[in-house]
Amino acid sequence: MKYFFIFVNILLSGCAMQNKLIPIQDSTLAIKKRTPQTPAVTLPPPTPETQNNIWQRIFDHYQLQDINHPRITQEIQRYLKNPKFLEIIQKRAKPYLYLIAEATEKQGLPGELALLPIVESGFQPNAYSSGKAAGLWQFIPSTGRMFGLKQNWWYDGRRDVYTSTQAATRYLKKLNKEFDGDWLLTLASYNAGKGNVRKAIKKNKKKHRSTSYWSLPLPQETRSYVPRLLALARILDNAEHYNLPQPVVENKPHLGLVNIKSQLDLKKAAEIAQIPLKELLQLNAGLNRWCTPPDGPHHLLLPIAKTSLFKKNLAELPLDEWVTWQRHKITSGENLGVIALKYRTSVKAIREVNRLSSTLIRTGKFLLIPTGSTGKYNTFVATVNAFTNENTVKKTVVYTVKENDNLWLIAQKFTTHSSKIARLNHLKLNSYLQPGQKLRIPQKKTTTFPQQSSISKALQKIYYTIRRGDSLSHISKKFNVSIGNLRKWNKIGRYIQPGQKLKLLINITQPSG
């Protein structure tokens, strides 16, 4: 499984901390027969510290701290040079730690694996990688579906903190069983895929070499992945030794999962929970739209202190007020008048909500249909506008013509087309320009997203390295973006080369291709 290189993206430059490292002996595990990395352990009874601090509870379940290797030492040194990163991820982890610790303990996983979202996503539920992996646990689409994580227009279970955590812990347990209890090979296969790890083992066996994780010919990403997790685990458990603040989070649930029986408008959900809509969306990052999915899952993660209030208010809310719209698939022979009549609304309302410039519609496409009173409709339109549509603003600048200027030269300077400048200024393409003349120059549209978008970070910037056999057409289909945008974002022509890096802006709320 491709993991999200949040570590690289977020590392902040600064003075290196002068810390003494815990001594780590070089250990070359040159064994011919693969054996479990750690034997079954009996977990210690809870201590007062464990009962009060969720971090200490995780540390008490460690099983891999007797493993030493120079690559772990190297990763420890990298982290210690960037203490700001450790501070940031501890803050991000706070709401989710209890939920994750419960899940890892339920599956009997080592405590270190509760820290895996740090390496995978930096504890960011909206994280998205160039390998199309998403969420805290960075599931790729196929593996996510294999473990029951729905991915559709409404919802992406890979970004649902609760369901993805349950799926990830089951997946890790399954992998560990397949690799005979070896947790290092388990982690390597979670990152690179079990098929690639098995190939590496087979290759070493043919050469009569060790089949331990440290000896396998794995991708560089995977060679760093496991020691990075072990380094993090060691640093956090020995924070005082490294002159870092001791992580403390109260050992109690911070979030509660509330089951709801039907679709619910998220704005309404935030109102009855008495929390900001932005907070609700952050906690429920798997939701792609402004409403929970019609076919489920019917649940929401809420601050634990708000769950009772939410349940009480939801029970008092009439069912016909749970949603104020429906999604309609256009069938052959339908027109807006027929659809409006069916839902007891107006053609004008349907056109406004769906931003239709005409009454022409196409079979197979979907329409959002507002229902309810005028007041509800107005609220619904405002919500749709806030959730689904970016606001584009056309900008112009005023340019003073210089000697020897012509429309083509000016267009090149501003990365636009001479025809656009001519049209905007009511000129002909061959018009003579006089020095000192003022021209309005069209600028690229700037896009602004409202704070309360369906996903606060729906557009994710990623970088993709071109591989042999790739084409712009293939890449555009893979990431559901247009060839025109690929060329515009990267200022390239029609030709690309292996090894070249492309910048992409991915809408993570769109179903994966």
Protein backbone atom coordinates (compact mmCIF):
# COMPACT_ATOMS: atom_id res chain seq x y z
CA MET A 1 0.00 0.00 0.00
CA LYS A 2 1.42 3.36 -1.03
CA TYR A 3 1.72 5.64 1.92
CA PHE A 4 1.40 9.35 2.01
CA PHE A 5 4.73 11.15 2.32
CA ILE A 6 3.49 13.61 4.87
CA PHE A 7 6.84 13.43 6.63
CA VAL A 8 8.63 14.92 3.65
CA ASN A 9 5.96 17.54 3.00
CA ILE A 10 5.71 18.88 6.53
CA LEU A 11 9.29 18.75 7.78
CA LEU A 12 10.27 22.22 8.80
CA SER A 13 13.79 23.51 8.58
CA GLY A 14 15.50 24.56 11.76
CA CYS A 15 18.48 24.10 13.97
CA ALA A 16 19.29 20.49 14.66
CA MET A 17 18.71 19.51 18.27
CA GLN A 18 21.74 18.23 20.07
CA ASN A 19 20.41 15.03 21.62
CA LYS A 20 22.01 11.88 22.81
CA LEU A 21 20.50 8.83 21.23
CA ILE A 22 19.51 5.74 23.11
CA PRO A 23 22.28 3.27 22.21
CA ILE A 24 21.21 0.95 19.41
CA GLN A 25 23.32 -2.01 18.49
CA ASP A 26 23.70 -3.06 14.88
CA SER A 27 21.71 -6.21 14.40
CA THR A 28 21.93 -8.16 11.17
CA LEU A 29 19.18 -10.74 11.22
CA ALA A 30 20.74 -13.27 8.84
CA ILE A 31 18.39 -16.15 9.42
CA LYS A 32 17.58 -18.76 6.84
CA LYS A 33 14.18 -19.69 8.14
CA ARG A 34 11.62 -16.98 8.76
CA THR A 35 10.33 -16.95 12.30
CA PRO A 36 7.95 -14.57 14.04
CA GLN A 37 9.74 -11.32 14.91
CA THR A 38 8.27 -11.35 18.41
CA PRO A 39 6.69 -14.14 20.43
CA ALA A 40 3.18 -13.90 21.81
CA VAL A 41 3.22 -11.61 24.82
CA THR A 42 1.08 -11.24 27.89
CA LEU A 43 0.02 -7.63 28.14
CA PRO A 44 0.85 -5.94 31.45
CA PRO A 45 -1.91 -4.99 33.85
CA PRO A 46 -2.99 -1.34 33.60
CA THR A 47 -1.01 1.11 35.71
CA PRO A 48 -2.26 4.45 37.05
CA GLU A 49 -0.27 6.16 34.28
CA THR A 50 -1.88 3.93 31.65
CA GLN A 51 -5.32 4.65 33.04
CA ASN A 52 -4.77 8.42 32.83
CA ASN A 53 -2.78 8.84 29.59
CA ILE A 54 -3.75 7.23 26.28
CA TRP A 55 -0.18 7.60 25.00
CA GLN A 56 1.16 5.58 27.92
CA ARG A 57 -1.53 2.98 27.27
CA ILE A 58 -0.21 2.65 23.71
CA PHE A 59 3.40 2.46 24.93
CA ASP A 60 2.47 -0.32 27.36
CA HIS A 61 1.30 -2.41 24.40
CA TYR A 62 4.57 -2.11 22.48
CA GLN A 63 5.96 -5.41 21.21
CA LEU A 64 8.70 -4.36 18.78
CA GLN A 65 11.08 -2.25 20.86
CA ASP A 66 13.75 -4.95 21.16
CA ILE A 67 14.46 -4.61 17.43
CA ASN A 68 17.63 -2.65 16.67
CA HIS A 69 19.08 -1.64 13.33
CA PRO A 70 21.14 1.28 11.93
CA ARG A 71 18.22 2.31 9.72
CA ILE A 72 16.13 2.91 12.86
CA THR A 73 18.93 5.07 14.28
CA GLN A 74 19.01 7.05 11.04
CA GLU A 75 15.26 7.72 11.19
CA ILE A 76 15.49 8.75 14.85
CA GLN A 77 18.09 11.34 13.92
CA ARG A 78 15.90 12.66 11.10
CA TYR A 79 12.92 13.13 13.39
CA LEU A 80 14.98 14.79 16.12
CA LYS A 81 16.13 17.43 13.65
CA ASN A 82 12.48 18.39 13.18
CA PRO A 83 10.79 18.52 16.60
CA LYS A 84 8.06 20.78 15.18
CA PHE A 85 6.75 17.84 13.16
CA LEU A 86 6.41 15.71 16.30
CA GLU A 87 4.53 18.53 18.00
CA ILE A 88 2.12 18.92 15.06
CA ILE A 89 1.27 15.24 14.72
CA GLN A 90 0.58 14.91 18.45
CA LYS A 91 -2.02 17.68 18.17
CA ARG A 92 -3.57 16.10 15.09
CA ALA A 93 -3.68 12.67 16.71
CA LYS A 94 -5.45 13.80 19.88
CA PRO A 95 -9.11 13.28 18.83
CA TYR A 96 -8.45 9.89 17.21
CA LEU A 97 -5.99 8.14 19.54
CA TYR A 98 -8.51 6.51 21.86
CA LEU A 99 -10.56 5.17 18.95
CA ILE A 100 -7.43 3.75 17.30
CA ALA A 101 -6.00 2.27 20.50
CA GLU A 102 -9.30 0.47 21.13
CA ALA A 103 -9.23 -1.00 17.61
CA THR A 104 -5.58 -2.14 17.70
CA GLU A 105 -6.03 -3.75 21.11
CA LYS A 106 -9.20 -5.52 19.97
CA GLN A 107 -7.25 -7.14 17.12
CA GLY A 108 -4.26 -7.93 19.35
CA LEU A 109 -1.87 -5.71 17.40
CA PRO A 110 1.36 -4.28 18.85
CA GLY A 111 0.94 -0.80 20.29
CA GLU A 112 3.37 0.58 17.71
CA LEU A 113 0.76 0.03 15.00
CA ALA A 114 -1.51 2.63 16.61
CA LEU A 115 1.11 5.13 15.42
CA LEU A 116 0.96 3.99 11.80
CA PRO A 117 -1.29 6.92 10.72
CA ILE A 118 1.62 9.23 11.54
CA VAL A 119 3.77 7.56 8.87
CA GLU A 120 0.88 7.01 6.47
CA SER A 121 -0.89 10.37 6.54
CA GLY A 122 0.42 12.57 9.33
CA PHE A 123 -2.96 11.93 11.02
CA GLN A 124 -4.81 13.77 8.24
CA PRO A 125 -8.10 12.08 7.26
CA ASN A 126 -8.13 13.96 3.93
CA ALA A 127 -4.63 12.86 2.92
CA TYR A 128 -4.38 11.70 -0.70
CA SER A 129 -1.33 10.28 -2.47
CA SER A 130 -0.19 10.03 -6.09
CA GLY A 131 -0.83 6.29 -5.77
CA LYS A 132 -4.55 7.13 -5.21
CA ALA A 133 -4.36 6.10 -1.56
CA ALA A 134 -6.63 8.06 0.78
CA GLY A 135 -7.38 8.64 4.44
CA LEU A 136 -5.59 8.17 7.75
CA TRP A 137 -4.57 4.65 6.77
CA GLN A 138 -3.96 5.37 3.07
CA PHE A 139 -6.06 2.62 1.52
CA ILE A 140 -5.87 2.33 -2.25
CA PRO A 141 -9.31 1.92 -3.89
CA SER A 142 -9.12 -1.85 -4.50
CA THR A 143 -7.89 -2.77 -1.02
CA GLY A 144 -10.45 -0.44 0.52
CA ARG A 145 -13.27 -2.19 -1.32
CA MET A 146 -11.84 -5.57 -0.32
CA PHE A 147 -12.28 -4.57 3.32
CA GLY A 148 -15.76 -3.14 2.92
CA LEU A 149 -14.94 0.53 2.49
CA LYS A 150 -17.58 2.00 0.16
CA GLN A 151 -16.41 4.54 -2.43
CA ASN A 152 -19.08 6.39 -4.38
CA TRP A 153 -20.49 9.82 -5.22
CA TRP A 154 -21.73 10.26 -1.67
CA TYR A 155 -19.04 8.77 0.47
CA ASP A 156 -15.47 7.43 0.63
CA GLY A 157 -15.00 5.01 3.51
CA ARG A 158 -11.22 5.31 3.21
CA ARG A 159 -11.52 8.81 4.66
CA ASP A 160 -14.03 7.76 7.33
CA VAL A 161 -11.89 7.65 10.47
CA TYR A 162 -14.01 5.03 12.22
CA THR A 163 -14.61 2.56 9.37
CA SER A 164 -11.11 2.87 7.92
CA THR A 165 -9.57 2.19 11.34
CA GLN A 166 -11.65 -0.96 11.75
CA ALA A 167 -10.67 -2.06 8.23
CA ALA A 168 -6.96 -1.26 8.69
CA THR A 169 -6.64 -3.22 11.92
CA ARG A 170 -8.38 -6.23 10.36
CA TYR A 171 -6.12 -5.98 7.33
CA LEU A 172 -2.96 -5.82 9.45
CA LYS A 173 -4.06 -8.84 11.47
CA LYS A 174 -4.75 -10.78 8.26
CA LEU A 175 -1.35 -9.87 6.79
CA ASN A 176 0.39 -10.89 10.00
CA LYS A 177 -1.22 -14.32 9.84
CA GLU A 178 -0.09 -14.71 6.22
CA PHE A 179 3.49 -13.81 7.17
CA ASP A 180 3.65 -16.26 10.09
CA GLY A 181 3.53 -13.63 12.82
CA ASP A 182 6.43 -11.51 11.49
CA TRP A 183 5.36 -7.93 12.16
CA LEU A 184 8.14 -6.35 10.09
CA LEU A 185 7.10 -8.27 6.99
CA THR A 186 3.48 -7.43 7.85
CA LEU A 187 4.27 -3.72 7.83
CA ALA A 188 6.33 -4.01 4.65
CA SER A 189 3.46 -5.75 2.87
CA TYR A 190 0.99 -3.11 4.12
CA ASN A 191 3.16 -0.54 2.39
CA ALA A 192 4.40 -2.32 -0.74
CA GLY A 193 1.75 -5.01 -1.16
CA LYS A 194 2.10 -8.61 -0.06
CA GLY A 195 2.83 -9.75 -3.61
CA ASN A 196 5.93 -7.57 -3.81
CA VAL A 197 7.16 -8.77 -0.42
CA ARG A 198 6.67 -12.41 -1.42
CA LYS A 199 8.62 -11.80 -4.64
CA ALA A 200 11.48 -10.31 -2.63
CA ILE A 201 11.46 -13.31 -0.25
CA LYS A 202 11.47 -15.72 -3.19
CA LYS A 203 14.35 -13.85 -4.80
CA ASN A 204 16.47 -14.06 -1.64
CA LYS A 205 15.65 -17.73 -1.14
CA LYS A 206 16.97 -18.51 -4.63
CA LYS A 207 20.23 -16.79 -3.70
CA HIS A 208 20.33 -18.54 -0.29
CA ARG A 209 20.11 -15.20 1.48
CA SER A 210 18.25 -14.15 4.60
CA THR A 211 14.52 -13.57 4.21
CA SER A 212 14.28 -11.15 7.12
CA TYR A 213 12.80 -7.74 6.39
CA TRP A 214 16.19 -6.02 6.73
CA SER A 215 17.73 -8.23 4.02
CA LEU A 216 15.00 -8.09 1.38
CA PRO A 217 15.43 -6.17 -1.92
CA LEU A 218 12.41 -3.92 -1.37
CA PRO A 219 11.63 -0.46 -2.84
CA GLN A 220 13.41 2.39 -1.07
CA GLU A 221 10.06 3.69 0.18
CA THR A 222 9.41 0.39 1.96
CA ARG A 223 12.99 0.17 3.25
CA SER A 224 12.39 3.46 5.07
CA TYR A 225 8.79 2.78 6.06
CA VAL A 226 9.29 0.22 8.84
CA PRO A 227 12.28 1.88 10.54
CA ARG A 228 10.41 5.18 10.40
CA LEU A 229 7.54 3.72 12.43
CA LEU A 230 9.90 2.06 14.92
CA ALA A 231 11.87 5.30 15.29
CA LEU A 232 8.70 7.26 16.01
CA ALA A 233 7.57 4.70 18.56
CA ARG A 234 10.91 4.89 20.34
CA ILE A 235 11.06 8.68 20.40
CA LEU A 236 7.52 9.15 21.71
CA ASP A 237 8.02 6.58 24.46
CA ASN A 238 11.32 8.19 25.48
CA ALA A 239 10.44 11.84 24.93
CA GLU A 240 12.10 13.01 28.13
CA HIS A 241 15.37 11.35 27.13
CA TYR A 242 15.31 13.27 23.85
CA ASN A 243 14.49 16.59 25.56
CA LEU A 244 11.00 16.59 24.07
CA PRO A 245 7.68 17.25 25.85
CA GLN A 246 6.08 14.09 27.20
CA PRO A 247 2.91 13.42 25.16
CA VAL A 248 -0.21 13.40 27.34
CA VAL A 249 -3.81 12.87 26.24
CA GLU A 250 -6.53 11.85 28.66
CA ASN A 251 -7.32 8.14 28.38
CA LYS A 252 -11.01 8.43 27.57
CA PRO A 253 -13.14 8.65 24.41
CA HIS A 254 -12.94 12.03 22.70
CA LEU A 255 -15.36 11.08 19.93
CA GLY A 256 -18.62 9.17 19.89
CA LEU A 257 -20.13 7.26 16.96
CA VAL A 258 -23.83 8.06 16.64
CA ASN A 259 -26.01 5.83 14.47
CA ILE A 260 -28.78 7.54 12.51
CA LYS A 261 -31.57 5.72 10.73
CA SER A 262 -31.75 7.69 7.49
CA GLN A 263 -30.24 10.47 5.39
CA LEU A 264 -29.51 13.65 7.28
CA ASP A 265 -28.55 17.10 6.04
CA LEU A 266 -25.13 17.93 7.51
CA LYS A 267 -26.02 21.54 8.17
CA LYS A 268 -29.01 20.35 10.16
CA ALA A 269 -26.79 17.80 11.94
CA ALA A 270 -24.35 20.52 12.99
CA GLU A 271 -27.21 22.68 14.25
CA ILE A 272 -28.75 20.01 16.46
CA ALA A 273 -25.31 18.92 17.74
CA GLN A 274 -24.55 22.59 18.44
CA ILE A 275 -21.12 22.43 16.82
CA PRO A 276 -19.70 24.39 13.85
CA LEU A 277 -20.37 22.77 10.48
CA LYS A 278 -16.64 22.93 9.75
CA GLU A 279 -15.91 20.76 12.81
CA LEU A 280 -18.57 18.23 11.80
CA LEU A 281 -17.03 17.95 8.33
CA GLN A 282 -13.52 17.51 9.71
CA LEU A 283 -14.66 14.66 11.95
CA ASN A 284 -16.60 13.02 9.10
CA ALA A 285 -14.14 13.43 6.25
CA GLY A 286 -15.59 10.43 4.39
CA LEU A 287 -18.70 12.39 3.41
CA ASN A 288 -18.40 13.82 -0.10
CA ARG A 289 -21.64 15.81 -0.13
CA TRP A 290 -23.78 17.97 2.16
CA CYS A 291 -25.88 15.03 3.28
CA THR A 292 -25.24 11.53 4.59
CA PRO A 293 -25.56 8.76 1.94
CA PRO A 294 -29.05 7.39 1.18
CA ASP A 295 -27.79 3.80 1.39
CA GLY A 296 -25.56 4.34 4.39
CA PRO A 297 -23.44 4.13 6.32
CA HIS A 298 -25.83 5.95 8.61
CA HIS A 299 -23.47 7.23 11.29
CA LEU A 300 -21.65 10.38 12.35
CA LEU A 301 -18.60 10.95 14.54
CA LEU A 302 -19.23 13.72 17.07
CA PRO A 303 -17.40 15.16 20.07
CA ILE A 304 -18.28 12.83 22.94
CA ALA A 305 -19.71 15.72 24.97
CA LYS A 306 -22.27 16.43 22.22
CA THR A 307 -23.58 12.93 21.49
CA SER A 308 -26.41 12.90 24.07
CA LEU A 309 -27.64 16.33 22.99
CA PHE A 310 -27.52 15.29 19.33
CA LYS A 311 -29.52 12.10 19.96
CA LYS A 312 -32.14 14.01 21.93
CA ASN A 313 -32.56 16.73 19.30
CA LEU A 314 -32.56 14.23 16.43
CA ALA A 315 -35.34 12.22 18.07
CA GLU A 316 -37.45 15.39 18.19
CA LEU A 317 -36.76 16.35 14.56
CA PRO A 318 -39.59 15.38 12.15
CA LEU A 319 -38.34 12.91 9.54
CA ASP A 320 -39.45 15.16 6.67
CA GLU A 321 -37.01 17.80 7.92
CA TRP A 322 -33.97 15.51 7.86
CA VAL A 323 -33.29 16.36 4.21
CA THR A 324 -34.59 19.11 1.93
CA TRP A 325 -33.66 17.64 -1.42
CA GLN A 326 -33.45 14.48 -3.51
CA ARG A 327 -31.13 13.24 -6.25
CA HIS A 328 -32.88 12.30 -9.49
CA LYS A 329 -31.47 10.29 -12.41
CA ILE A 330 -32.82 11.56 -15.73
CA THR A 331 -34.60 8.88 -17.77
CA SER A 332 -35.42 8.81 -21.46
CA GLY A 333 -38.27 11.16 -22.43
CA GLU A 334 -38.08 13.31 -19.30
CA ASN A 335 -37.81 17.09 -19.33
CA LEU A 336 -37.52 19.65 -16.55
CA GLY A 337 -41.26 20.30 -16.56
CA VAL A 338 -42.09 16.62 -16.00
CA ILE A 339 -39.46 16.30 -13.26
CA ALA A 340 -40.61 19.49 -11.52
CA LEU A 341 -44.21 18.23 -11.55
CA LYS A 342 -43.16 14.87 -10.12
CA TYR A 343 -41.40 16.46 -7.14
CA ARG A 344 -43.87 19.35 -6.70
CA THR A 345 -41.25 21.99 -7.35
CA SER A 346 -40.51 24.45 -10.18
CA VAL A 347 -38.33 24.37 -13.29
CA LYS A 348 -36.71 27.59 -12.08
CA ALA A 349 -35.76 25.99 -8.77
CA ILE A 350 -34.21 22.94 -10.47
CA ARG A 351 -32.26 25.12 -12.90
CA GLU A 352 -30.98 27.37 -10.11
CA VAL A 353 -29.81 24.52 -7.90
CA ASN A 354 -28.10 22.68 -10.76
CA ARG A 355 -26.81 25.84 -12.43
CA LEU A 356 -28.36 24.95 -15.78
CA SER A 357 -27.97 27.62 -18.46
CA SER A 358 -30.85 26.14 -20.48
CA THR A 359 -33.68 23.62 -20.13
CA LEU A 360 -31.76 20.95 -22.06
CA ILE A 361 -30.94 17.84 -20.00
CA ARG A 362 -29.32 14.50 -20.86
CA THR A 363 -30.52 10.98 -20.12
CA GLY A 364 -28.42 9.26 -17.46
CA LYS A 365 -27.26 12.46 -15.78
CA PHE A 366 -28.30 13.42 -12.24
CA LEU A 367 -30.20 16.43 -10.93
CA LEU A 368 -30.54 17.74 -7.38
CA ILE A 369 -34.20 18.39 -6.65
CA PRO A 370 -35.12 20.89 -3.91
CA THR A 371 -38.20 20.03 -1.86
CA GLY A 372 -40.13 21.60 1.01
CA SER A 373 -41.14 25.17 1.76
CA THR A 374 -39.66 28.32 0.20
CA GLY A 375 -37.63 28.94 3.34
CA LYS A 376 -36.19 25.45 3.24
CA TYR A 377 -35.51 25.83 -0.48
CA ASN A 378 -33.55 29.07 0.01
CA THR A 379 -31.49 27.43 2.74
CA PHE A 380 -30.90 24.44 0.50
CA VAL A 381 -29.70 26.58 -2.43
CA ALA A 382 -27.29 28.43 -0.14
CA THR A 383 -25.98 25.12 1.17
CA VAL A 384 -25.53 23.68 -2.32
CA ASN A 385 -23.65 26.77 -3.42
CA ALA A 386 -21.39 26.57 -0.38
CA PHE A 387 -20.73 22.87 -0.62
CA THR A 388 -20.35 22.00 -4.26
CA ASN A 389 -19.36 24.94 -6.36
CA GLU A 390 -16.18 26.92 -6.29
CA ASN A 391 -16.52 30.63 -6.94
CA THR A 392 -14.49 31.77 -9.94
CA VAL A 393 -13.45 35.39 -10.15
CA LYS A 394 -12.19 36.90 -13.41
CA LYS A 395 -9.42 39.41 -12.86
CA THR A 396 -8.02 42.04 -15.19
CA VAL A 397 -4.95 44.22 -14.88
CA VAL A 398 -4.18 47.47 -16.66
CA TYR A 399 -1.02 47.51 -18.76
CA THR A 400 0.71 50.56 -20.23
CA VAL A 401 1.94 49.92 -23.77
CA LYS A 402 5.68 50.39 -24.30
CA GLU A 403 7.63 51.15 -27.45
CA ASN A 404 7.72 48.24 -29.94
CA ASP A 405 4.94 46.38 -28.08
CA ASN A 406 2.34 44.43 -30.01
CA LEU A 407 -0.59 42.28 -28.87
CA TRP A 408 1.33 39.03 -29.31
CA LEU A 409 4.29 40.17 -27.16
CA ILE A 410 1.98 41.46 -24.43
CA ALA A 411 -0.02 38.21 -24.48
CA GLN A 412 3.19 36.21 -24.00
CA LYS A 413 4.19 38.40 -21.08
CA PHE A 414 0.89 37.75 -19.28
CA THR A 415 0.47 34.10 -20.38
CA THR A 416 -2.75 34.77 -22.24
CA HIS A 417 -3.94 35.01 -25.86
CA SER A 418 -3.67 38.09 -28.06
CA SER A 419 -7.25 37.51 -29.25
CA LYS A 420 -8.52 37.82 -25.65
CA ILE A 421 -6.69 41.12 -25.16
CA ALA A 422 -8.05 42.40 -28.48
CA ARG A 423 -11.62 41.36 -27.60
CA LEU A 424 -11.46 42.90 -24.12
CA ASN A 425 -10.18 46.22 -25.51
CA HIS A 426 -12.31 46.26 -28.70
CA LEU A 427 -9.25 46.06 -30.95
CA LYS A 428 -8.33 44.14 -34.07
CA LEU A 429 -5.47 41.65 -33.89
CA ASN A 430 -3.34 43.81 -36.19
CA SER A 431 -4.20 47.08 -34.44
CA TYR A 432 -1.31 49.52 -34.02
CA LEU A 433 -0.48 50.18 -30.38
CA GLN A 434 0.86 53.53 -29.20
CA PRO A 435 3.32 53.87 -26.32
CA GLY A 436 1.43 55.05 -23.23
CA GLN A 437 -1.82 53.45 -24.38
CA LYS A 438 -3.69 51.63 -21.58
CA LEU A 439 -4.87 48.05 -22.15
CA ARG A 440 -6.92 45.78 -19.93
CA ILE A 441 -5.30 42.34 -19.69
CA PRO A 442 -7.41 39.30 -18.77
CA GLN A 443 -5.92 37.18 -16.01
CA LYS A 444 -6.47 33.54 -15.19
CA LYS A 445 -9.56 32.83 -13.16
CA THR A 446 -8.85 32.58 -9.48
CA THR A 447 -10.82 30.03 -7.56
CA THR A 448 -11.96 30.57 -4.00
CA PHE A 449 -13.63 27.96 -1.90
CA PRO A 450 -15.97 28.80 0.96
CA GLN A 451 -14.79 27.81 4.41
CA GLN A 452 -17.68 25.41 4.73
CA SER A 453 -17.03 23.31 1.64
CA SER A 454 -18.20 19.70 1.50
CA ILE A 455 -14.68 18.73 2.37
CA SER A 456 -12.59 21.54 3.77
CA LYS A 457 -9.69 20.30 1.66
CA ALA A 458 -11.50 18.80 -1.33
CA LEU A 459 -8.71 19.79 -3.71
CA GLN A 460 -5.43 18.10 -2.85
CA LYS A 461 -2.17 18.95 -4.61
CA ILE A 462 -0.08 15.89 -5.40
CA TYR A 463 2.96 15.15 -7.54
CA TYR A 464 3.08 12.25 -9.96
CA THR A 465 6.29 10.85 -11.46
CA ILE A 466 5.81 9.83 -15.08
CA ARG A 467 6.54 6.18 -15.81
CA ARG A 468 7.53 4.43 -19.00
CA GLY A 469 4.43 3.99 -21.18
CA ASP A 470 2.51 6.88 -19.56
CA SER A 471 0.71 9.44 -21.69
CA LEU A 472 -1.24 12.58 -20.81
CA SER A 473 -4.41 10.74 -21.79
CA HIS A 474 -3.61 7.82 -19.45
CA ILE A 475 -2.75 10.13 -16.53
CA SER A 476 -5.86 12.27 -17.06
CA LYS A 477 -8.09 9.19 -16.93
CA LYS A 478 -6.27 7.74 -13.93
CA PHE A 479 -6.77 10.86 -11.81
CA ASN A 480 -10.04 12.07 -13.37
CA VAL A 481 -8.62 15.39 -14.57
CA SER A 482 -8.56 16.96 -18.03
CA ILE A 483 -5.56 16.92 -20.34
CA GLY A 484 -5.97 20.69 -20.65
CA ASN A 485 -5.56 21.13 -16.90
CA LEU A 486 -2.54 18.81 -16.82
CA ARG A 487 -0.86 20.96 -19.44
CA LYS A 488 -1.91 24.23 -17.78
CA TRP A 489 -0.81 23.23 -14.26
CA ASN A 490 2.60 22.10 -15.48
CA LYS A 491 3.10 24.51 -18.41
CA ILE A 492 3.88 21.67 -20.80
CA GLY A 493 3.06 20.76 -24.37
CA ARG A 494 1.92 17.41 -25.71
CA TYR A 495 5.09 15.48 -24.89
CA ILE A 496 6.19 14.03 -21.56
CA GLN A 497 9.15 11.88 -20.49
CA PRO A 498 9.65 9.10 -17.90
CA GLY A 499 10.96 10.54 -14.64
CA GLN A 500 9.31 13.92 -15.18
CA LYS A 501 7.19 15.13 -12.25
CA LEU A 502 3.71 16.51 -12.78
CA LYS A 503 1.67 18.64 -10.38
CA LEU A 504 -1.99 17.62 -10.12
CA LEU A 505 -4.96 19.11 -8.28
CA ILE A 506 -7.19 16.18 -7.34
CA ASN A 507 -10.78 16.47 -6.17
CA ILE A 508 -10.79 13.77 -3.50
CA THR A 509 -14.60 13.76 -3.31
CA GLN A 510 -14.85 12.24 -6.79
CA PRO A 511 -15.10 8.43 -6.97
CA SER A 512 -11.80 6.83 -7.95
CA GLY A 513 -11.39 5.61 -11.49
